[in-house]
Amino acid sequence: MHSKSQVGVTLIEMACVLAVLSILGGIAGPSMYKWRQRAAADGLISALTTDIALARITAISRGSTAVLCPSHDANGCDGAADWRDGWIVFLDANRDRSRQPEEELLSVAQARRIPALGFASTSGRRTIRLFPSGMAYGSNLTVTSCLDGNTHARLVMNNVGRVRVERPRAPVACPSGAPTP
């Protein structure tokens, strides 16, 4: 006579596995949340870096002035230092630093609301103008990305139109006056 062997897991084994998974999830959950915030902030910095490069290349290749500026409606510049609501890139045919309906829109970055993220430029320079030479005359532009009150990264564009990203090695408080969520 052949005996049939039973295959499966007992209720106690299943309860132990669920308990271990619950503990691991409780430990990993907050770390994953912070990791996702940092990844989203890095994506925002990368998108702005890419749009600055697009504006510079377009200004050089077309022999025109290109402008990047914060924009909440994707139509015109806000005049604010806060870039969290998005930005636009356009060719500024009349060189007035504001977008007219007939001026070509090159790129639009939509709002990306990330909890605990601040994303703002220095108050003295709220728009980026790139001339046909590829230069951005004036002072350097710094856009600071802040997470939970600390500087996550700084995007710095010099007068030649080149961009670098600086990341602090140790926690640094965000600059005073930087918008917070």
C-alpha atoms as a PDB file:
ATOM      1  CA  MET A   1       0.000   0.000   0.000  1.00  0.00           C
ATOM      2  CA  HIS A   2       1.332   3.444  -0.946  1.00  0.00           C
ATOM      3  CA  SER A   3       0.965   6.288   1.498  1.00  0.00           C
ATOM      4  CA  LYS A   4       0.290   9.759   0.141  1.00  0.00           C
ATOM      5  CA  SER A   5       2.653  12.438   1.436  1.00  0.00           C
ATOM      6  CA  GLN A   6       1.215  15.831   2.162  1.00  0.00           C
ATOM      7  CA  VAL A   7       2.799  18.895   0.619  1.00  0.00           C
ATOM      8  CA  GLY A   8       2.331  22.438   1.939  1.00  0.00           C
ATOM      9  CA  VAL A   9       3.095  24.773   4.803  1.00  0.00           C
ATOM     10  CA  THR A  10       1.554  24.809   8.210  1.00  0.00           C
ATOM     11  CA  LEU A  11      -0.210  27.772   9.729  1.00  0.00           C
ATOM     12  CA  ILE A  12       2.642  28.266  12.192  1.00  0.00           C
ATOM     13  CA  GLU A  13       5.240  28.360   9.392  1.00  0.00           C
ATOM     14  CA  MET A  14       3.161  30.883   7.451  1.00  0.00           C
ATOM     15  CA  ALA A  15       2.730  33.069  10.552  1.00  0.00           C
ATOM     16  CA  CYS A  16       6.499  33.050  11.181  1.00  0.00           C
ATOM     17  CA  VAL A  17       7.258  34.075   7.589  1.00  0.00           C
ATOM     18  CA  LEU A  18       4.693  36.907   7.747  1.00  0.00           C
ATOM     19  CA  ALA A  19       6.134  38.111  11.071  1.00  0.00           C
ATOM     20  CA  VAL A  20       9.671  38.252   9.653  1.00  0.00           C
ATOM     21  CA  LEU A  21       8.466  40.062   6.501  1.00  0.00           C
ATOM     22  CA  SER A  22       6.532  42.574   8.622  1.00  0.00           C
ATOM     23  CA  ILE A  23       9.603  43.356  10.715  1.00  0.00           C
ATOM     24  CA  LEU A  24      11.797  43.751   7.615  1.00  0.00           C
ATOM     25  CA  GLY A  25       9.174  45.974   5.972  1.00  0.00           C
ATOM     26  CA  GLY A  26       8.994  48.150   9.077  1.00  0.00           C
ATOM     27  CA  ILE A  27      12.737  48.610   9.034  1.00  0.00           C
ATOM     28  CA  ALA A  28      13.099  49.155   5.278  1.00  0.00           C
ATOM     29  CA  GLY A  29      10.004  51.340   4.745  1.00  0.00           C
ATOM     30  CA  PRO A  30      11.372  54.669   6.039  1.00  0.00           C
ATOM     31  CA  SER A  31      14.700  54.109   4.265  1.00  0.00           C
ATOM     32  CA  MET A  32      12.914  53.416   0.984  1.00  0.00           C
ATOM     33  CA  TYR A  33      10.836  56.589   1.410  1.00  0.00           C
ATOM     34  CA  LYS A  34      13.968  58.739   1.849  1.00  0.00           C
ATOM     35  CA  TRP A  35      15.653  56.963  -1.057  1.00  0.00           C
ATOM     36  CA  ARG A  36      12.661  57.753  -3.300  1.00  0.00           C
ATOM     37  CA  GLN A  37      12.768  61.415  -2.217  1.00  0.00           C
ATOM     38  CA  ARG A  38      16.485  61.664  -3.050  1.00  0.00           C
ATOM     39  CA  ALA A  39      15.944  59.932  -6.401  1.00  0.00           C
ATOM     40  CA  ALA A  40      13.107  62.333  -7.279  1.00  0.00           C
ATOM     41  CA  ALA A  41      15.255  65.345  -6.300  1.00  0.00           C
ATOM     42  CA  ASP A  42      18.105  63.993  -8.439  1.00  0.00           C
ATOM     43  CA  GLY A  43      15.666  63.626 -11.344  1.00  0.00           C
ATOM     44  CA  LEU A  44      14.631  67.260 -10.976  1.00  0.00           C
ATOM     45  CA  ILE A  45      18.265  68.421 -10.993  1.00  0.00           C
ATOM     46  CA  SER A  46      18.974  66.246 -14.018  1.00  0.00           C
ATOM     47  CA  ALA A  47      15.962  67.651 -15.902  1.00  0.00           C
ATOM     48  CA  LEU A  48      17.051  71.243 -15.242  1.00  0.00           C
ATOM     49  CA  THR A  49      20.637  70.433 -16.282  1.00  0.00           C
ATOM     50  CA  THR A  50      19.339  68.905 -19.516  1.00  0.00           C
ATOM     51  CA  ASP A  51      17.151  71.925 -20.272  1.00  0.00           C
ATOM     52  CA  ILE A  52      20.056  74.310 -19.656  1.00  0.00           C
ATOM     53  CA  ALA A  53      22.127  72.293 -22.140  1.00  0.00           C
ATOM     54  CA  LEU A  54      19.222  72.358 -24.630  1.00  0.00           C
ATOM     55  CA  ALA A  55      18.924  76.153 -24.303  1.00  0.00           C
ATOM     56  CA  ARG A  56      22.671  76.632 -24.749  1.00  0.00           C
ATOM     57  CA  ILE A  57      22.918  74.378 -27.799  1.00  0.00           C
ATOM     58  CA  THR A  58      19.838  75.954 -29.376  1.00  0.00           C
ATOM     59  CA  ALA A  59      21.103  79.499 -28.751  1.00  0.00           C
ATOM     60  CA  ILE A  60      24.429  78.665 -30.410  1.00  0.00           C
ATOM     61  CA  SER A  61      23.028  76.706 -33.353  1.00  0.00           C
ATOM     62  CA  ARG A  62      20.241  79.173 -34.173  1.00  0.00           C
ATOM     63  CA  GLY A  63      22.128  82.357 -33.342  1.00  0.00           C
ATOM     64  CA  SER A  64      19.384  83.502 -30.992  1.00  0.00           C
ATOM     65  CA  THR A  65      18.886  84.185 -27.278  1.00  0.00           C
ATOM     66  CA  ALA A  66      17.315  81.389 -25.235  1.00  0.00           C
ATOM     67  CA  VAL A  67      15.695  81.873 -21.828  1.00  0.00           C
ATOM     68  CA  LEU A  68      14.884  79.457 -18.998  1.00  0.00           C
ATOM     69  CA  CYS A  69      12.615  80.670 -16.232  1.00  0.00           C
ATOM     70  CA  PRO A  70      10.338  79.294 -13.508  1.00  0.00           C
ATOM     71  CA  SER A  71       6.751  78.943 -14.717  1.00  0.00           C
ATOM     72  CA  HIS A  72       3.651  77.486 -13.085  1.00  0.00           C
ATOM     73  CA  ASP A  73       1.432  77.680 -16.184  1.00  0.00           C
ATOM     74  CA  ALA A  74       3.916  76.761 -18.967  1.00  0.00           C
ATOM     75  CA  ASN A  75       3.127  80.029 -20.776  1.00  0.00           C
ATOM     76  CA  GLY A  76       5.202  82.745 -19.179  1.00  0.00           C
ATOM     77  CA  CYS A  77       7.846  83.454 -16.571  1.00  0.00           C
ATOM     78  CA  ASP A  78       6.781  83.789 -12.939  1.00  0.00           C
ATOM     79  CA  GLY A  79       9.578  86.094 -11.836  1.00  0.00           C
ATOM     80  CA  ALA A  80       9.960  83.943  -8.697  1.00  0.00           C
ATOM     81  CA  ALA A  81      13.005  82.097  -7.432  1.00  0.00           C
ATOM     82  CA  ASP A  82      11.030  78.886  -6.797  1.00  0.00           C
ATOM     83  CA  TRP A  83      11.505  76.279  -9.559  1.00  0.00           C
ATOM     84  CA  ARG A  84       9.324  73.518  -7.979  1.00  0.00           C
ATOM     85  CA  ASP A  85       6.256  74.464 -10.044  1.00  0.00           C
ATOM     86  CA  GLY A  86       8.157  73.824 -13.283  1.00  0.00           C
ATOM     87  CA  TRP A  87       9.924  75.928 -15.887  1.00  0.00           C
ATOM     88  CA  ILE A  88       9.945  76.808 -19.567  1.00  0.00           C
ATOM     89  CA  VAL A  89      12.671  77.171 -22.181  1.00  0.00           C
ATOM     90  CA  PHE A  90      12.000  79.499 -25.112  1.00  0.00           C
ATOM     91  CA  LEU A  91      13.725  81.522 -27.815  1.00  0.00           C
ATOM     92  CA  ASP A  92      13.561  85.183 -26.837  1.00  0.00           C
ATOM     93  CA  ALA A  93      13.318  86.874 -30.245  1.00  0.00           C
ATOM     94  CA  ASN A  94      12.741  90.382 -28.874  1.00  0.00           C
ATOM     95  CA  ARG A  95      15.165  89.908 -25.930  1.00  0.00           C
ATOM     96  CA  ASP A  96      12.732  91.141 -23.279  1.00  0.00           C
ATOM     97  CA  ARG A  97      13.170  88.055 -21.030  1.00  0.00           C
ATOM     98  CA  SER A  98       9.449  87.263 -21.127  1.00  0.00           C
ATOM     99  CA  ARG A  99       7.700  84.875 -23.466  1.00  0.00           C
ATOM    100  CA  GLN A 100       5.396  86.301 -26.117  1.00  0.00           C
ATOM    101  CA  PRO A 101       2.878  84.038 -27.906  1.00  0.00           C
ATOM    102  CA  GLU A 102       4.854  84.145 -31.162  1.00  0.00           C
ATOM    103  CA  GLU A 103       8.135  83.078 -29.507  1.00  0.00           C
ATOM    104  CA  GLU A 104       9.064  79.417 -29.897  1.00  0.00           C
ATOM    105  CA  LEU A 105       8.681  77.248 -26.820  1.00  0.00           C
ATOM    106  CA  LEU A 106      11.517  74.687 -26.723  1.00  0.00           C
ATOM    107  CA  SER A 107      10.744  72.767 -23.540  1.00  0.00           C
ATOM    108  CA  VAL A 108       8.270  72.671 -20.664  1.00  0.00           C
ATOM    109  CA  ALA A 109       8.951  71.029 -17.307  1.00  0.00           C
ATOM    110  CA  GLN A 110       5.789  70.375 -15.334  1.00  0.00           C
ATOM    111  CA  ALA A 111       5.397  70.747 -11.596  1.00  0.00           C
ATOM    112  CA  ARG A 112       6.789  67.898  -9.538  1.00  0.00           C
ATOM    113  CA  ARG A 113       5.577  68.133  -5.988  1.00  0.00           C
ATOM    114  CA  ILE A 114       7.934  66.103  -3.860  1.00  0.00           C
ATOM    115  CA  PRO A 115       7.240  66.171  -0.119  1.00  0.00           C
ATOM    116  CA  ALA A 116       9.859  68.043   1.927  1.00  0.00           C
ATOM    117  CA  LEU A 117      11.626  69.369  -1.218  1.00  0.00           C
ATOM    118  CA  GLY A 118      12.652  72.954  -1.793  1.00  0.00           C
ATOM    119  CA  PHE A 119      14.079  73.895  -5.218  1.00  0.00           C
ATOM    120  CA  ALA A 120      15.037  77.550  -5.618  1.00  0.00           C
ATOM    121  CA  SER A 121      17.584  79.805  -7.280  1.00  0.00           C
ATOM    122  CA  THR A 122      19.435  82.686  -5.744  1.00  0.00           C
ATOM    123  CA  SER A 123      17.215  85.724  -5.350  1.00  0.00           C
ATOM    124  CA  GLY A 124      19.470  87.891  -7.532  1.00  0.00           C
ATOM    125  CA  ARG A 125      19.134  85.702 -10.617  1.00  0.00           C
ATOM    126  CA  ARG A 126      15.753  84.161 -11.318  1.00  0.00           C
ATOM    127  CA  THR A 127      16.036  83.533 -15.044  1.00  0.00           C
ATOM    128  CA  ILE A 128      18.745  82.099 -17.264  1.00  0.00           C
ATOM    129  CA  ARG A 129      19.569  83.874 -20.525  1.00  0.00           C
ATOM    130  CA  LEU A 130      21.917  82.196 -22.954  1.00  0.00           C
ATOM    131  CA  PHE A 131      23.201  84.284 -25.843  1.00  0.00           C
ATOM    132  CA  PRO A 132      24.209  83.118 -29.359  1.00  0.00           C
ATOM    133  CA  SER A 133      27.784  82.774 -28.099  1.00  0.00           C
ATOM    134  CA  GLY A 134      26.585  80.217 -25.528  1.00  0.00           C
ATOM    135  CA  MET A 135      27.490  82.606 -22.722  1.00  0.00           C
ATOM    136  CA  ALA A 136      25.234  83.597 -19.828  1.00  0.00           C
ATOM    137  CA  TYR A 137      26.553  86.992 -18.815  1.00  0.00           C
ATOM    138  CA  GLY A 138      26.100  88.270 -15.280  1.00  0.00           C
ATOM    139  CA  SER A 139      26.615  86.422 -12.041  1.00  0.00           C
ATOM    140  CA  ASN A 140      26.676  82.667 -11.545  1.00  0.00           C
ATOM    141  CA  LEU A 141      23.287  81.058 -11.019  1.00  0.00           C
ATOM    142  CA  THR A 142      22.849  78.617  -8.148  1.00  0.00           C
ATOM    143  CA  VAL A 143      19.730  76.478  -7.786  1.00  0.00           C
ATOM    144  CA  THR A 144      19.635  74.735  -4.422  1.00  0.00           C
ATOM    145  CA  SER A 145      17.747  71.508  -3.844  1.00  0.00           C
ATOM    146  CA  CYS A 146      16.757  71.095  -0.184  1.00  0.00           C
ATOM    147  CA  LEU A 147      15.327  67.948   1.417  1.00  0.00           C
ATOM    148  CA  ASP A 148      13.999  68.085   4.972  1.00  0.00           C
ATOM    149  CA  GLY A 149      15.740  71.418   5.613  1.00  0.00           C
ATOM    150  CA  ASN A 150      19.193  70.249   4.475  1.00  0.00           C
ATOM    151  CA  THR A 151      20.951  70.979   1.189  1.00  0.00           C
ATOM    152  CA  HIS A 152      20.676  67.933  -1.056  1.00  0.00           C
ATOM    153  CA  ALA A 153      22.550  69.417  -4.023  1.00  0.00           C
ATOM    154  CA  ARG A 154      23.415  72.717  -5.704  1.00  0.00           C
ATOM    155  CA  LEU A 155      23.279  73.214  -9.454  1.00  0.00           C
ATOM    156  CA  VAL A 156      25.711  75.995 -10.401  1.00  0.00           C
ATOM    157  CA  MET A 157      25.852  77.568 -13.859  1.00  0.00           C
ATOM    158  CA  ASN A 158      28.778  79.857 -14.630  1.00  0.00           C
ATOM    159  CA  ASN A 159      28.961  82.749 -17.105  1.00  0.00           C
ATOM    160  CA  VAL A 160      30.229  80.473 -19.875  1.00  0.00           C
ATOM    161  CA  GLY A 161      26.990  78.490 -19.617  1.00  0.00           C
ATOM    162  CA  ARG A 162      28.571  75.376 -18.126  1.00  0.00           C
ATOM    163  CA  VAL A 163      26.782  73.539 -15.349  1.00  0.00           C
ATOM    164  CA  ARG A 164      28.122  71.590 -12.396  1.00  0.00           C
ATOM    165  CA  VAL A 165      26.314  69.868  -9.541  1.00  0.00           C
ATOM    166  CA  GLU A 166      27.750  70.109  -6.036  1.00  0.00           C
ATOM    167  CA  ARG A 167      26.722  67.717  -3.273  1.00  0.00           C
ATOM    168  CA  PRO A 168      27.659  68.408   0.344  1.00  0.00           C
ATOM    169  CA  ARG A 169      29.594  65.640   2.080  1.00  0.00           C
ATOM    170  CA  ALA A 170      28.068  66.459   5.459  1.00  0.00           C
ATOM    171  CA  PRO A 171      24.588  67.825   6.252  1.00  0.00           C
ATOM    172  CA  VAL A 172      24.350  71.546   5.512  1.00  0.00           C
ATOM    173  CA  ALA A 173      21.329  73.653   6.387  1.00  0.00           C
ATOM    174  CA  CYS A 174      19.470  75.149   3.436  1.00  0.00           C
ATOM    175  CA  PRO A 175      20.087  78.834   2.729  1.00  0.00           C
ATOM    176  CA  SER A 176      17.780  81.194   4.561  1.00  0.00           C
ATOM    177  CA  GLY A 177      14.939  82.370   2.386  1.00  0.00           C
ATOM    178  CA  ALA A 178      14.858  79.150   0.345  1.00  0.00           C
ATOM    179  CA  PRO A 179      11.251  78.128  -0.228  1.00  0.00           C
ATOM    180  CA  THR A 180      10.119  75.084   1.677  1.00  0.00           C
ATOM    181  CA  PRO A 181       7.121  72.913   1.004  1.00  0.00           C
END
